[in-house]
Amino acid sequence: QDDPKVAATGSTLCRPELRVAHVEKLKPE
């Protein structure tokens, strides 16, 4: 609220590679 460009509690935004790391390891259909 004080500085909108700064992440507040609850932000999870991360590199896209991390979001698919479990898929690359477990290889679901």
PDB file of all heavy atoms in Angstrom:
ATOM      1  N   GLN A   1       0.817  -1.208   0.000  1.00  0.00           N
ATOM      2  CA  GLN A   1       0.000   0.000   0.000  1.00  0.00           C
ATOM      3  C   GLN A   1       0.851   1.259   0.000  1.00  0.00           C
ATOM      4  O   GLN A   1       0.483   2.271  -0.594  1.00  0.00           O
ATOM      5  CB  GLN A   1      -0.936  -0.016   1.206  1.00  0.00           C
ATOM      6  CG  GLN A   1      -2.013  -1.092   1.139  1.00  0.00           C
ATOM      7  CD  GLN A   1      -3.022  -0.988   2.265  1.00  0.00           C
ATOM      8  OE1 GLN A   1      -2.975  -0.064   3.076  1.00  0.00           O
ATOM      9  NE2 GLN A   1      -3.945  -1.932   2.326  1.00  0.00           N
ATOM     10  N   ASP A   2       1.998   1.214   0.659  1.00  0.00           N
ATOM     11  CA  ASP A   2       2.871   2.389   0.723  1.00  0.00           C
ATOM     12  C   ASP A   2       3.638   2.606  -0.575  1.00  0.00           C
ATOM     13  O   ASP A   2       3.866   3.746  -0.984  1.00  0.00           O
ATOM     14  CB  ASP A   2       3.861   2.245   1.890  1.00  0.00           C
ATOM     15  CG  ASP A   2       3.157   2.230   3.236  1.00  0.00           C
ATOM     16  OD1 ASP A   2       2.090   2.875   3.346  1.00  0.00           O
ATOM     17  OD2 ASP A   2       3.664   1.578   4.159  1.00  0.00           O
ATOM     18  N   ASP A   3       4.036   1.513  -1.210  1.00  0.00           N
ATOM     19  CA  ASP A   3       4.799   1.598  -2.457  1.00  0.00           C
ATOM     20  C   ASP A   3       4.371   0.431  -3.340  1.00  0.00           C
ATOM     21  O   ASP A   3       4.873  -0.682  -3.186  1.00  0.00           O
ATOM     22  CB  ASP A   3       6.300   1.543  -2.174  1.00  0.00           C
ATOM     23  CG  ASP A   3       7.135   1.814  -3.408  1.00  0.00           C
ATOM     24  OD1 ASP A   3       6.548   1.877  -4.512  1.00  0.00           O
ATOM     25  OD2 ASP A   3       8.363   1.976  -3.283  1.00  0.00           O
ATOM     26  N   PRO A   4       3.447   0.650  -4.274  1.00  0.00           N
ATOM     27  CA  PRO A   4       2.852  -0.456  -5.035  1.00  0.00           C
ATOM     28  C   PRO A   4       3.843  -1.294  -5.829  1.00  0.00           C
ATOM     29  O   PRO A   4       3.531  -2.434  -6.162  1.00  0.00           O
ATOM     30  CB  PRO A   4       1.868   0.261  -5.974  1.00  0.00           C
ATOM     31  CG  PRO A   4       1.547   1.537  -5.293  1.00  0.00           C
ATOM     32  CD  PRO A   4       2.806   1.942  -4.593  1.00  0.00           C
ATOM     33  N   LYS A   5       5.018  -0.757  -6.123  1.00  0.00           N
ATOM     34  CA  LYS A   5       5.979  -1.563  -6.878  1.00  0.00           C
ATOM     35  C   LYS A   5       6.745  -2.542  -5.990  1.00  0.00           C
ATOM     36  O   LYS A   5       7.452  -3.423  -6.475  1.00  0.00           O
ATOM     37  CB  LYS A   5       6.963  -0.676  -7.631  1.00  0.00           C
ATOM     38  CG  LYS A   5       7.949   0.111  -6.784  1.00  0.00           C
ATOM     39  CD  LYS A   5       8.916   0.896  -7.664  1.00  0.00           C
ATOM     40  CE  LYS A   5       9.898   1.724  -6.852  1.00  0.00           C
ATOM     41  NZ  LYS A   5       9.228   2.840  -6.160  1.00  0.00           N
ATOM     42  N   VAL A   6       6.545  -2.445  -4.687  1.00  0.00           N
ATOM     43  CA  VAL A   6       7.179  -3.339  -3.720  1.00  0.00           C
ATOM     44  C   VAL A   6       6.175  -4.416  -3.319  1.00  0.00           C
ATOM     45  O   VAL A   6       5.020  -4.120  -3.006  1.00  0.00           O
ATOM     46  CB  VAL A   6       7.650  -2.562  -2.473  1.00  0.00           C
ATOM     47  CG1 VAL A   6       8.207  -3.515  -1.415  1.00  0.00           C
ATOM     48  CG2 VAL A   6       8.681  -1.516  -2.862  1.00  0.00           C
ATOM     49  N   ALA A   7       6.638  -5.662  -3.316  1.00  0.00           N
ATOM     50  CA  ALA A   7       5.750  -6.777  -2.986  1.00  0.00           C
ATOM     51  C   ALA A   7       5.402  -6.773  -1.497  1.00  0.00           C
ATOM     52  O   ALA A   7       6.267  -6.575  -0.644  1.00  0.00           O
ATOM     53  CB  ALA A   7       6.413  -8.088  -3.355  1.00  0.00           C
ATOM     54  N   ALA A   8       4.119  -7.017  -1.207  1.00  0.00           N
ATOM     55  CA  ALA A   8       3.657  -7.142   0.169  1.00  0.00           C
ATOM     56  C   ALA A   8       3.525  -8.611   0.540  1.00  0.00           C
ATOM     57  O   ALA A   8       3.704  -9.511  -0.304  1.00  0.00           O
ATOM     58  CB  ALA A   8       2.321  -6.424   0.333  1.00  0.00           C
ATOM     59  N   THR A   9       3.195  -8.866   1.792  1.00  0.00           N
ATOM     60  CA  THR A   9       2.991 -10.238   2.265  1.00  0.00           C
ATOM     61  C   THR A   9       1.919 -10.926   1.416  1.00  0.00           C
ATOM     62  O   THR A   9       0.881 -10.343   1.124  1.00  0.00           O
ATOM     63  CB  THR A   9       2.542 -10.227   3.736  1.00  0.00           C
ATOM     64  OG1 THR A   9       3.546  -9.586   4.523  1.00  0.00           O
ATOM     65  CG2 THR A   9       2.337 -11.641   4.241  1.00  0.00           C
ATOM     66  N   GLY A  10       2.194 -12.160   1.023  1.00  0.00           N
ATOM     67  CA  GLY A  10       1.267 -12.909   0.184  1.00  0.00           C
ATOM     68  C   GLY A  10       1.715 -13.015  -1.253  1.00  0.00           C
ATOM     69  O   GLY A  10       1.152 -13.805  -2.018  1.00  0.00           O
ATOM     70  N   SER A  11       2.722 -12.215  -1.637  1.00  0.00           N
ATOM     71  CA  SER A  11       3.250 -12.317  -3.004  1.00  0.00           C
ATOM     72  C   SER A  11       4.010 -13.619  -3.163  1.00  0.00           C
ATOM     73  O   SER A  11       4.774 -14.029  -2.285  1.00  0.00           O
ATOM     74  CB  SER A  11       4.185 -11.140  -3.308  1.00  0.00           C
ATOM     75  OG  SER A  11       3.479  -9.926  -3.355  1.00  0.00           O
ATOM     76  N   THR A  12       3.810 -14.271  -4.308  1.00  0.00           N
ATOM     77  CA  THR A  12       4.526 -15.525  -4.597  1.00  0.00           C
ATOM     78  C   THR A  12       5.256 -15.462  -5.934  1.00  0.00           C
ATOM     79  O   THR A  12       5.856 -16.445  -6.350  1.00  0.00           O
ATOM     80  CB  THR A  12       3.549 -16.721  -4.636  1.00  0.00           C
ATOM     81  OG1 THR A  12       2.619 -16.525  -5.720  1.00  0.00           O
ATOM     82  CG2 THR A  12       2.791 -16.867  -3.329  1.00  0.00           C
ATOM     83  N   LEU A  13       5.184 -14.313  -6.612  1.00  0.00           N
ATOM     84  CA  LEU A  13       5.727 -14.187  -7.962  1.00  0.00           C
ATOM     85  C   LEU A  13       7.190 -14.606  -8.009  1.00  0.00           C
ATOM     86  O   LEU A  13       8.010 -14.137  -7.216  1.00  0.00           O
ATOM     87  CB  LEU A  13       5.581 -12.746  -8.448  1.00  0.00           C
ATOM     88  CG  LEU A  13       5.819 -12.492  -9.924  1.00  0.00           C
ATOM     89  CD1 LEU A  13       4.793 -13.225 -10.780  1.00  0.00           C
ATOM     90  CD2 LEU A  13       5.771 -10.987 -10.209  1.00  0.00           C
ATOM     91  N   CYS A  14       7.499 -15.508  -8.943  1.00  0.00           N
ATOM     92  CA  CYS A  14       8.857 -16.030  -9.038  1.00  0.00           C
ATOM     93  C   CYS A  14       9.194 -16.331 -10.500  1.00  0.00           C
ATOM     94  O   CYS A  14       8.356 -16.176 -11.386  1.00  0.00           O
ATOM     95  CB  CYS A  14       9.016 -17.290  -8.185  1.00  0.00           C
ATOM     96  SG  CYS A  14       7.997 -18.689  -8.730  1.00  0.00           S
ATOM     97  N   ARG A  15      10.411 -16.767 -10.740  1.00  0.00           N
ATOM     98  CA  ARG A  15      10.847 -17.080 -12.096  1.00  0.00           C
ATOM     99  C   ARG A  15      10.004 -18.206 -12.675  1.00  0.00           C
ATOM    100  O   ARG A  15       9.634 -19.153 -11.974  1.00  0.00           O
ATOM    101  CB  ARG A  15      12.322 -17.501 -12.111  1.00  0.00           C
ATOM    102  CG  ARG A  15      13.259 -16.394 -11.734  1.00  0.00           C
ATOM    103  CD  ARG A  15      14.727 -16.722 -11.945  1.00  0.00           C
ATOM    104  NE  ARG A  15      15.010 -18.070 -12.372  1.00  0.00           N
ATOM    105  CZ  ARG A  15      15.514 -19.030 -11.594  1.00  0.00           C
ATOM    106  NH1 ARG A  15      15.739 -18.791 -10.308  1.00  0.00           N
ATOM    107  NH2 ARG A  15      15.783 -20.216 -12.078  1.00  0.00           N
ATOM    108  N   PRO A  16       9.690 -18.150 -13.969  1.00  0.00           N
ATOM    109  CA  PRO A  16       8.836 -19.178 -14.568  1.00  0.00           C
ATOM    110  C   PRO A  16       9.427 -20.576 -14.492  1.00  0.00           C
ATOM    111  O   PRO A  16       8.681 -21.556 -14.394  1.00  0.00           O
ATOM    112  CB  PRO A  16       8.681 -18.705 -16.017  1.00  0.00           C
ATOM    113  CG  PRO A  16       9.835 -17.789 -16.255  1.00  0.00           C
ATOM    114  CD  PRO A  16      10.090 -17.118 -14.953  1.00  0.00           C
ATOM    115  N   GLU A  17      10.761 -20.666 -14.504  1.00  0.00           N
ATOM    116  CA  GLU A  17      11.391 -21.989 -14.422  1.00  0.00           C
ATOM    117  C   GLU A  17      11.031 -22.710 -13.126  1.00  0.00           C
ATOM    118  O   GLU A  17      10.878 -23.938 -13.107  1.00  0.00           O
ATOM    119  CB  GLU A  17      12.916 -21.851 -14.518  1.00  0.00           C
ATOM    120  CG  GLU A  17      13.432 -21.323 -15.845  1.00  0.00           C
ATOM    121  CD  GLU A  17      13.470 -19.812 -15.930  1.00  0.00           C
ATOM    122  OE1 GLU A  17      12.937 -19.146 -15.007  1.00  0.00           O
ATOM    123  OE2 GLU A  17      14.049 -19.289 -16.906  1.00  0.00           O
ATOM    124  N   LEU A  18      10.876 -21.942 -12.040  1.00  0.00           N
ATOM    125  CA  LEU A  18      10.540 -22.553 -10.751  1.00  0.00           C
ATOM    126  C   LEU A  18       9.109 -23.071 -10.723  1.00  0.00           C
ATOM    127  O   LEU A  18       8.799 -24.033 -10.025  1.00  0.00           O
ATOM    128  CB  LEU A  18      10.743 -21.534  -9.627  1.00  0.00           C
ATOM    129  CG  LEU A  18      12.173 -21.030  -9.422  1.00  0.00           C
ATOM    130  CD1 LEU A  18      12.215 -19.982  -8.319  1.00  0.00           C
ATOM    131  CD2 LEU A  18      13.110 -22.188  -9.088  1.00  0.00           C
ATOM    132  N   ARG A  19       8.250 -22.451 -11.518  1.00  0.00           N
ATOM    133  CA  ARG A  19       6.833 -22.830 -11.503  1.00  0.00           C
ATOM    134  C   ARG A  19       6.581 -24.169 -12.208  1.00  0.00           C
ATOM    135  O   ARG A  19       5.517 -24.768 -12.029  1.00  0.00           O
ATOM    136  CB  ARG A  19       5.997 -21.722 -12.148  1.00  0.00           C
ATOM    137  CG  ARG A  19       5.999 -20.433 -11.343  1.00  0.00           C
ATOM    138  CD  ARG A  19       5.255 -19.313 -12.042  1.00  0.00           C
ATOM    139  NE  ARG A  19       3.858 -19.636 -12.259  1.00  0.00           N
ATOM    140  CZ  ARG A  19       3.020 -18.838 -12.912  1.00  0.00           C
ATOM    141  NH1 ARG A  19       3.452 -17.685 -13.419  1.00  0.00           N
ATOM    142  NH2 ARG A  19       1.756 -19.194 -13.069  1.00  0.00           N
ATOM    143  N   VAL A  20       7.517 -24.602 -13.021  1.00  0.00           N
ATOM    144  CA  VAL A  20       7.350 -25.874 -13.734  1.00  0.00           C
ATOM    145  C   VAL A  20       8.376 -26.924 -13.315  1.00  0.00           C
ATOM    146  O   VAL A  20       8.439 -28.002 -13.900  1.00  0.00           O
ATOM    147  CB  VAL A  20       7.413 -25.668 -15.267  1.00  0.00           C
ATOM    148  CG1 VAL A  20       6.249 -24.827 -15.748  1.00  0.00           C
ATOM    149  CG2 VAL A  20       8.741 -25.035 -15.678  1.00  0.00           C
ATOM    150  N   ALA A  21       9.172 -26.626 -12.275  1.00  0.00           N
ATOM    151  CA  ALA A  21      10.243 -27.554 -11.865  1.00  0.00           C
ATOM    152  C   ALA A  21       9.676 -28.915 -11.473  1.00  0.00           C
ATOM    153  O   ALA A  21      10.261 -29.957 -11.802  1.00  0.00           O
ATOM    154  CB  ALA A  21      11.034 -26.950 -10.708  1.00  0.00           C
ATOM    155  N   HIS A  22       8.545 -28.949 -10.786  1.00  0.00           N
ATOM    156  CA  HIS A  22       7.955 -30.227 -10.366  1.00  0.00           C
ATOM    157  C   HIS A  22       7.433 -31.016 -11.563  1.00  0.00           C
ATOM    158  O   HIS A  22       7.451 -32.246 -11.563  1.00  0.00           O
ATOM    159  CB  HIS A  22       6.838 -29.995  -9.352  1.00  0.00           C
ATOM    160  CG  HIS A  22       5.706 -29.158  -9.853  1.00  0.00           C
ATOM    161  ND1 HIS A  22       5.862 -27.855 -10.254  1.00  0.00           N
ATOM    162  CD2 HIS A  22       4.375 -29.431 -10.016  1.00  0.00           C
ATOM    163  CE1 HIS A  22       4.705 -27.370 -10.656  1.00  0.00           C
ATOM    164  NE2 HIS A  22       3.780 -28.312 -10.531  1.00  0.00           N
ATOM    165  N   VAL A  23       6.980 -30.308 -12.591  1.00  0.00           N
ATOM    166  CA  VAL A  23       6.514 -30.971 -13.809  1.00  0.00           C
ATOM    167  C   VAL A  23       7.682 -31.632 -14.525  1.00  0.00           C
ATOM    168  O   VAL A  23       7.586 -32.766 -15.007  1.00  0.00           O
ATOM    169  CB  VAL A  23       5.795 -29.961 -14.733  1.00  0.00           C
ATOM    170  CG1 VAL A  23       5.475 -30.589 -16.086  1.00  0.00           C
ATOM    171  CG2 VAL A  23       4.525 -29.453 -14.063  1.00  0.00           C
ATOM    172  N   GLU A  24       8.804 -30.933 -14.586  1.00  0.00           N
ATOM    173  CA  GLU A  24       9.987 -31.488 -15.255  1.00  0.00           C
ATOM    174  C   GLU A  24      10.495 -32.737 -14.548  1.00  0.00           C
ATOM    175  O   GLU A  24      11.021 -33.651 -15.192  1.00  0.00           O
ATOM    176  CB  GLU A  24      11.081 -30.426 -15.330  1.00  0.00           C
ATOM    177  CG  GLU A  24      10.719 -29.264 -16.248  1.00  0.00           C
ATOM    178  CD  GLU A  24      11.786 -28.186 -16.286  1.00  0.00           C
ATOM    179  OE1 GLU A  24      12.095 -27.611 -15.216  1.00  0.00           O
ATOM    180  OE2 GLU A  24      12.318 -27.919 -17.373  1.00  0.00           O
ATOM    181  N   LYS A  25      10.338 -32.796 -13.236  1.00  0.00           N
ATOM    182  CA  LYS A  25      10.826 -33.951 -12.478  1.00  0.00           C
ATOM    183  C   LYS A  25       9.827 -35.109 -12.478  1.00  0.00           C
ATOM    184  O   LYS A  25      10.213 -36.274 -12.626  1.00  0.00           O
ATOM    185  CB  LYS A  25      11.150 -33.532 -11.040  1.00  0.00           C
ATOM    186  CG  LYS A  25      12.328 -32.562 -10.923  1.00  0.00           C
ATOM    187  CD  LYS A  25      12.522 -32.113  -9.479  1.00  0.00           C
ATOM    188  CE  LYS A  25      13.660 -31.117  -9.345  1.00  0.00           C
ATOM    189  NZ  LYS A  25      13.797 -30.616  -7.948  1.00  0.00           N
ATOM    190  N   LEU A  26       8.543 -34.799 -12.304  1.00  0.00           N
ATOM    191  CA  LEU A  26       7.540 -35.849 -12.161  1.00  0.00           C
ATOM    192  C   LEU A  26       6.902 -36.268 -13.484  1.00  0.00           C
ATOM    193  O   LEU A  26       6.325 -37.344 -13.578  1.00  0.00           O
ATOM    194  CB  LEU A  26       6.451 -35.392 -11.189  1.00  0.00           C
ATOM    195  CG  LEU A  26       6.917 -35.199  -9.739  1.00  0.00           C
ATOM    196  CD1 LEU A  26       5.835 -34.532  -8.907  1.00  0.00           C
ATOM    197  CD2 LEU A  26       7.326 -36.527  -9.119  1.00  0.00           C
ATOM    198  N   LYS A  27       6.966 -35.380 -14.495  1.00  0.00           N
ATOM    199  CA  LYS A  27       6.472 -35.675 -15.850  1.00  0.00           C
ATOM    200  C   LYS A  27       5.042 -36.218 -15.864  1.00  0.00           C
ATOM    201  O   LYS A  27       4.779 -37.319 -16.353  1.00  0.00           O
ATOM    202  CB  LYS A  27       7.419 -36.646 -16.567  1.00  0.00           C
ATOM    203  CG  LYS A  27       8.858 -36.138 -16.675  1.00  0.00           C
ATOM    204  CD  LYS A  27       9.725 -37.060 -17.473  1.00  0.00           C
ATOM    205  CE  LYS A  27      11.180 -36.635 -17.435  1.00  0.00           C
ATOM    206  NZ  LYS A  27      11.414 -35.246 -17.848  1.00  0.00           N
ATOM    207  N   PRO A  28       4.093 -35.463 -15.325  1.00  0.00           N
ATOM    208  CA  PRO A  28       2.689 -35.897 -15.402  1.00  0.00           C
ATOM    209  C   PRO A  28       2.217 -35.856 -16.854  1.00  0.00           C
ATOM    210  O   PRO A  28       2.831 -35.206 -17.707  1.00  0.00           O
ATOM    211  CB  PRO A  28       1.972 -34.856 -14.549  1.00  0.00           C
ATOM    212  CG  PRO A  28       2.811 -33.619 -14.714  1.00  0.00           C
ATOM    213  CD  PRO A  28       4.221 -34.113 -14.748  1.00  0.00           C
ATOM    214  N   GLU A  29       1.112 -36.507 -17.128  1.00  0.00           N
ATOM    215  CA  GLU A  29       0.579 -36.490 -18.490  1.00  0.00           C
ATOM    216  C   GLU A  29       0.061 -35.102 -18.873  1.00  0.00           C
ATOM    217  O   GLU A  29       0.127 -34.707 -20.038  1.00  0.00           O
ATOM    218  CB  GLU A  29      -0.533 -37.533 -18.626  1.00  0.00           C
ATOM    219  CG  GLU A  29      -0.014 -38.966 -18.562  1.00  0.00           C
ATOM    220  CD  GLU A  29      -1.125 -39.992 -18.624  1.00  0.00           C
ATOM    221  OE1 GLU A  29      -1.495 -40.396 -19.740  1.00  0.00           O
ATOM    222  OE2 GLU A  29      -1.633 -40.364 -17.553  1.00  0.00           O
TER     223      GLU A  29
END
